[in-house]
Amino acid sequence: MKERFALAKKVSYYTIAGNFIMSLIKIIVGITANSWAMLADGFHSLSDVISTFGVLVGLRIARQPADDSHPYGHGKAEAITAKIIALMLVFIGFATIVGAFNRINTPDLGIPGIAAAAAAVISLLAKEIMFRYTIYAGKKINSPALIADAYHHRSDAYSSAASLVGIMGARMGYPFMDPAAGLVVGGCILYMGFKIARDSINNLMDAAVDEGVLKEMEQCAQGVEGVKEIRDIKARNYCSYYCVEMTLAVDPDISVYDGHDIAENVKESITRQSFSTLEVLVHIEPVQKIILKSHQKSTKNIRA
């Protein structure tokens, strides 16, 4: 847990510094070079600074150990942070669209300076580097907050690309393209906001994990000596971890101690495969009992 937070903190500090510098450059250039697209892009980068601070706060809370009030720990603080980032993106995206629309209706739009185009190119490259760096770290430690922040960087890269197109279009004699690019920037921000909100809501609602992960867990359990059958395996995301529940069929003639050993071996087998597993709950039943339950269920369905 300590190493996990250390990596997240390192990534966050780097991106905060990079975003703060880029936001200042883009806002100044946007004002001096008369480019609404670049100004909107600058405020988008500034929102990255705020959201990354939020990620750090969420990670700090999430690493706190379990207590009497939170017996399962504080891990969901990361999902809550991701949702706050999403709401922030939705607000910024909507405000950007409104501002760009008002700018289009301005009689004298003016032509943006070449400095705005140069800033857009630099921003595009910088934000793509930040995205790849952050998404790598986020997937490595399985952090929804860090992954959400990575996609915030990616949305900024998209907005910089849209800004560049709009600025160059305006300089080629189509002034409306600069604020029109602001509309595209706002749309990108809104899309990312809704996407992150959906993922964070699924996390908070304990959505099921990917079928491929479940299949690997099932294979781990099947490889344990004494497991006759696996029935009813399920897992849910608990922020950056998995909580697994499964029912195993074993020989009815073995002792309670042997059944307990099988359950412990299954838990060890799953966690040994590098799954980010917080908890594995194993229910042991005799194989005949499961078969009988299955038969009773089939008979009930036929009668129905």
Foldseek 3Di string as FASTA:
>chain_A
DVVLLVLLVVLLVVLLVVLVVLLVLQCVLCVVQLFLLSNLLSVLSVLLNVLSVLQNVLVVQQPDQADPVRNPGSNLSLLVSLLVSLVVLQVSLVVLLVVLVVQLPDPDRDAGDVSNLVSLVVLLVSLVVSLVSQCVSCVVQQALSSNLSSVSSVLSNVSSVLQNVLNVVRVVPDSSSRSVSSNVSSVSSNVSSVVSNVVSVCQVVFHWDDPVLQVVLVVLLVPQPFFDDWDDWTWTHNRSAIAIETETAGAPPDDPVVVVVSQVSSVVSSVVVVHRHDYYHYHYDHPVVVVVVVVVVVVVVVVD
